[in-house]
Protein backbone atom coordinates (compact mmCIF):
# COMPACT_ATOMS: atom_id res chain seq x y z
CA MET A 1 131.58 30.17 74.69
CA CYS A 2 134.98 31.42 75.87
CA GLY A 3 136.54 31.97 72.42
CA LEU A 4 139.77 30.10 73.11
CA VAL A 5 141.68 28.94 70.04
CA LEU A 6 143.20 25.47 69.98
CA ALA A 7 146.69 25.60 68.44
CA VAL A 8 148.10 22.36 67.05
CA ASN A 9 151.66 21.94 65.78
CA VAL A 10 151.79 20.20 62.41
CA SER A 11 154.99 18.81 60.94
CA ALA A 12 155.87 19.19 57.28
CA ARG A 13 155.53 15.41 56.94
CA GLN A 14 151.96 15.49 58.28
CA PHE A 15 150.95 18.50 56.21
CA LEU A 16 152.20 16.91 52.99
CA GLN A 17 150.20 13.71 53.44
CA ALA A 18 147.77 13.23 50.56
CA ASP A 19 144.78 12.97 52.91
CA PHE A 20 145.77 15.69 55.38
CA VAL A 21 142.77 17.94 54.69
CA ALA A 22 140.41 14.96 54.98
CA GLN A 23 142.02 14.03 58.32
CA VAL A 24 141.54 17.57 59.62
CA ARG A 25 137.91 17.68 58.46
CA ALA A 26 137.22 14.32 60.09
CA ALA A 27 138.76 15.49 63.38
CA LEU A 28 136.67 18.68 63.32
CA ASP A 29 133.50 16.67 62.72
CA ARG A 30 134.36 13.93 65.21
CA HIS A 31 135.11 16.36 68.05
CA ILE A 32 132.53 19.00 67.04
CA ILE A 33 135.14 21.78 66.78
CA ASN A 34 134.37 25.13 65.17
CA PRO A 35 137.11 25.44 62.50
CA ARG A 36 137.51 29.13 63.35
CA LEU A 37 138.75 28.07 66.78
CA LEU A 38 141.50 25.83 65.37
CA LYS A 39 144.94 27.17 64.51
CA LEU A 40 147.44 24.93 62.73
CA GLU A 41 151.02 25.91 63.48
CA LEU A 42 153.26 24.96 60.58
CA THR A 43 157.02 24.75 60.70
CA GLU A 44 159.26 26.73 58.41
CA SER A 45 160.71 23.49 56.99
CA LEU A 46 157.38 22.99 55.21
CA LEU A 47 158.32 25.79 52.82
CA LEU A 48 161.17 23.73 51.37
CA ASP A 49 158.80 21.41 49.51
CA ASP A 50 156.35 21.82 46.61
CA ILE A 51 155.19 25.39 47.23
CA GLU A 52 152.24 25.23 44.81
CA HIS A 53 150.83 22.16 46.59
CA ILE A 54 151.37 23.88 49.94
CA ILE A 55 149.52 27.00 48.79
CA GLU A 56 146.64 24.88 47.48
CA THR A 57 146.35 22.91 50.74
CA MET A 58 146.58 26.06 52.85
CA SER A 59 143.87 27.72 50.76
CA ILE A 60 141.52 24.77 51.27
CA LEU A 61 142.15 24.89 55.04
CA LYS A 62 141.54 28.66 55.07
CA ASP A 63 138.27 28.16 53.14
CA ILE A 64 137.17 25.75 55.86
CA GLY A 65 137.85 28.54 58.37
CA ILE A 66 141.02 27.22 59.99
CA LEU A 67 143.67 29.69 61.15
CA LEU A 68 147.26 29.16 60.00
CA SER A 69 150.44 30.16 61.77
CA LEU A 70 154.06 29.94 60.64
CA ASP A 71 156.02 28.83 63.68
CA ASP A 72 159.72 29.55 64.36
CA PHE A 73 160.26 31.78 61.33
CA GLY A 74 163.93 32.69 60.96
CA THR A 75 165.41 29.33 61.92
CA GLY A 76 165.77 28.04 58.37
CA TYR A 77 166.20 29.42 54.91
CA SER A 78 162.74 30.78 54.18
CA SER A 79 162.42 33.71 51.88
CA LEU A 80 160.29 36.70 52.73
CA GLN A 81 158.91 36.19 49.22
CA TYR A 82 157.08 33.08 50.49
CA LEU A 83 155.30 35.16 53.11
CA LYS A 84 153.70 37.22 50.35
CA LYS A 85 152.27 34.09 48.70
CA LEU A 86 151.15 32.07 51.70
CA PRO A 87 147.88 32.79 53.54
CA PHE A 88 149.18 32.82 57.10
CA ASP A 89 147.17 34.49 59.86
CA GLN A 90 150.15 34.65 62.20
CA LEU A 91 153.93 34.75 61.93
CA LYS A 92 155.86 33.57 64.99
CA ILE A 93 159.47 34.70 64.76
CA ASP A 94 161.97 32.39 66.42
CA GLN A 95 163.71 33.84 69.48
CA SER A 96 167.15 33.16 67.97
CA PHE A 97 166.24 35.56 65.16
CA VAL A 98 165.42 38.44 67.50
CA ARG A 99 167.38 37.63 70.66
CA GLY A 100 169.93 40.43 70.18
CA LEU A 101 167.51 43.21 69.29
CA VAL A 102 168.41 45.18 72.38
CA SER A 103 172.18 44.76 72.30
CA ASP A 104 173.34 43.75 68.80
CA SER A 105 173.60 46.58 66.25
CA SER A 106 173.07 44.21 63.30
CA ASP A 107 169.90 42.87 64.89
CA LYS A 108 168.67 46.40 65.62
CA ARG A 109 169.26 47.37 61.99
CA LEU A 110 167.40 44.27 60.76
CA CYS A 111 164.47 45.05 63.03
CA ALA A 112 164.36 48.60 61.74
CA LEU A 113 164.45 47.39 58.13
CA LEU A 114 161.65 44.91 58.70
CA SER A 115 159.49 47.46 60.45
CA GLY A 116 160.08 50.22 57.91
CA TRP A 117 161.78 52.56 60.36
CA HIS A 118 165.17 52.49 58.69
CA LYS A 119 166.15 55.75 57.03
CA THR A 120 168.80 55.86 54.32
């Protein structure tokens, strides 16, 4: 086995379907996929809906063994508070959020704050 992980983009609309977990389970069974080799990449727009339902669904998927990634973080209005509550395995920061890290002083300061390097 080569250990490659299959990453699949999932829209907020798909994720919020009542039978989403059942669809994922059926696909895993049908294609004989190890759930630990599947990563669902969720968009930041998902976090604008019923957060308790989202946490519950994510927890079920994590219990199955599926990896979860938040894709394009920084493009919307997500709060860092959500990141503390949600069981993501990976955070993919959108390039527009970090594009000016080398040249823009505000971006450099933000990076330092997020990484804990900022001294007051």
